[in-house]
Amino acid sequence: MHSNSTTAQRDRLRLALEQAGPKGITTLEAREGLDIMAPAPRIYELRHNYGYEIATLPGDGKNAQGNRHRCGRYVLINGPKRKRRPRK
């Protein structure tokens, strides 16, 4: 079992974005595949606290029940441009 601390969620999301390449990760994939119920705050932290350049594109997908949803697709453009300490 993995941790659901914000740090652990951020690390899982960053790794998934790196591995996904230009395909990116949808909100649904982050929620259901990475166990991150609110991926937007983790994306915000990666962008603003850690300097990652991440694009948000329109996307869609099916949830675990097979229902189609419009959602965001996050694509990692560049790794950290600057090193900043996380805000408390």
Protein backbone atom coordinates (compact mmCIF):
# COMPACT_ATOMS: atom_id res chain seq x y z
CA MET A 1 0.00 0.00 0.00
CA HIS A 2 1.31 3.44 -0.84
CA SER A 3 1.11 6.70 1.05
CA ASN A 4 -1.48 9.32 0.17
CA SER A 5 0.49 12.23 1.59
CA THR A 6 0.68 15.23 -0.73
CA THR A 7 4.39 14.54 -1.23
CA ALA A 8 3.76 10.93 -2.27
CA GLN A 9 0.93 11.98 -4.60
CA ARG A 10 3.11 14.66 -6.18
CA ASP A 11 5.94 12.16 -6.68
CA ARG A 12 3.60 9.59 -8.29
CA LEU A 13 2.15 12.24 -10.60
CA ARG A 14 5.57 13.62 -11.60
CA LEU A 15 6.85 10.13 -12.40
CA ALA A 16 3.70 9.30 -14.40
CA LEU A 17 4.03 12.54 -16.38
CA GLU A 18 7.68 11.77 -17.15
CA GLN A 19 6.81 8.25 -18.30
CA ALA A 20 3.74 9.32 -20.33
CA GLY A 21 5.69 11.69 -22.57
CA PRO A 22 3.57 13.62 -25.09
CA LYS A 23 0.52 11.45 -24.38
CA GLY A 24 0.24 12.98 -20.92
CA ILE A 25 -2.06 11.98 -18.07
CA THR A 26 -5.76 12.78 -17.81
CA THR A 27 -7.53 13.77 -14.64
CA LEU A 28 -9.36 10.43 -14.77
CA GLU A 29 -6.11 8.48 -15.11
CA ALA A 30 -4.62 10.36 -12.16
CA ARG A 31 -7.70 9.69 -10.03
CA GLU A 32 -8.23 6.06 -10.89
CA GLY A 33 -4.74 4.87 -11.83
CA LEU A 34 -2.58 6.90 -9.45
CA ASP A 35 -5.05 7.24 -6.56
CA ILE A 36 -4.88 11.04 -6.61
CA MET A 37 -8.42 12.29 -6.05
CA ALA A 38 -7.54 15.95 -6.71
CA PRO A 39 -4.73 16.09 -9.28
CA ALA A 40 -5.12 19.84 -10.00
CA PRO A 41 -3.54 20.95 -6.70
CA ARG A 42 -0.61 18.57 -7.24
CA ILE A 43 -0.13 20.00 -10.76
CA TYR A 44 -0.25 23.52 -9.29
CA GLU A 45 2.45 22.58 -6.76
CA LEU A 46 4.66 21.02 -9.44
CA ARG A 47 4.33 24.18 -11.55
CA HIS A 48 4.56 26.91 -8.94
CA ASN A 49 6.60 25.38 -6.13
CA TYR A 50 8.96 23.13 -8.13
CA GLY A 51 9.26 24.89 -11.50
CA TYR A 52 7.86 22.21 -13.83
CA GLU A 53 6.33 23.39 -17.09
CA ILE A 54 3.12 21.40 -17.53
CA ALA A 55 0.53 22.07 -20.23
CA THR A 56 -3.17 21.52 -19.61
CA LEU A 57 -5.01 20.40 -22.73
CA PRO A 58 -8.63 19.42 -23.27
CA GLY A 59 -9.13 15.70 -23.03
CA ASP A 60 -11.73 13.04 -22.54
CA GLY A 61 -11.87 9.51 -21.29
CA LYS A 62 -13.95 6.84 -19.66
CA ASN A 63 -14.14 6.29 -15.96
CA ALA A 64 -14.14 2.87 -14.29
CA GLN A 65 -17.89 2.59 -14.84
CA GLY A 66 -17.48 3.18 -18.58
CA ASN A 67 -18.99 6.68 -18.61
CA ARG A 68 -17.40 9.25 -20.91
CA HIS A 69 -16.16 12.48 -19.34
CA ARG A 70 -14.45 15.59 -20.60
CA CYS A 71 -11.40 16.29 -18.50
CA GLY A 72 -7.99 17.89 -18.52
CA ARG A 73 -4.92 16.22 -19.96
CA TYR A 74 -1.63 17.21 -18.34
CA VAL A 75 1.54 17.03 -20.42
CA LEU A 76 5.02 17.61 -19.04
CA ILE A 77 6.86 20.09 -21.27
CA ASN A 78 10.03 20.68 -19.26
CA GLY A 79 11.47 19.69 -15.93
CA PRO A 80 12.15 22.21 -13.22
CA LYS A 81 13.43 25.54 -14.50
CA ARG A 82 14.19 26.86 -11.05
CA LYS A 83 14.62 25.49 -7.62
CA ARG A 84 12.28 26.94 -5.05
CA ARG A 85 11.36 25.87 -1.61
CA PRO A 86 7.77 24.73 -1.28
CA ARG A 87 5.42 27.21 0.34
CA LYS A 88 4.20 26.28 3.76
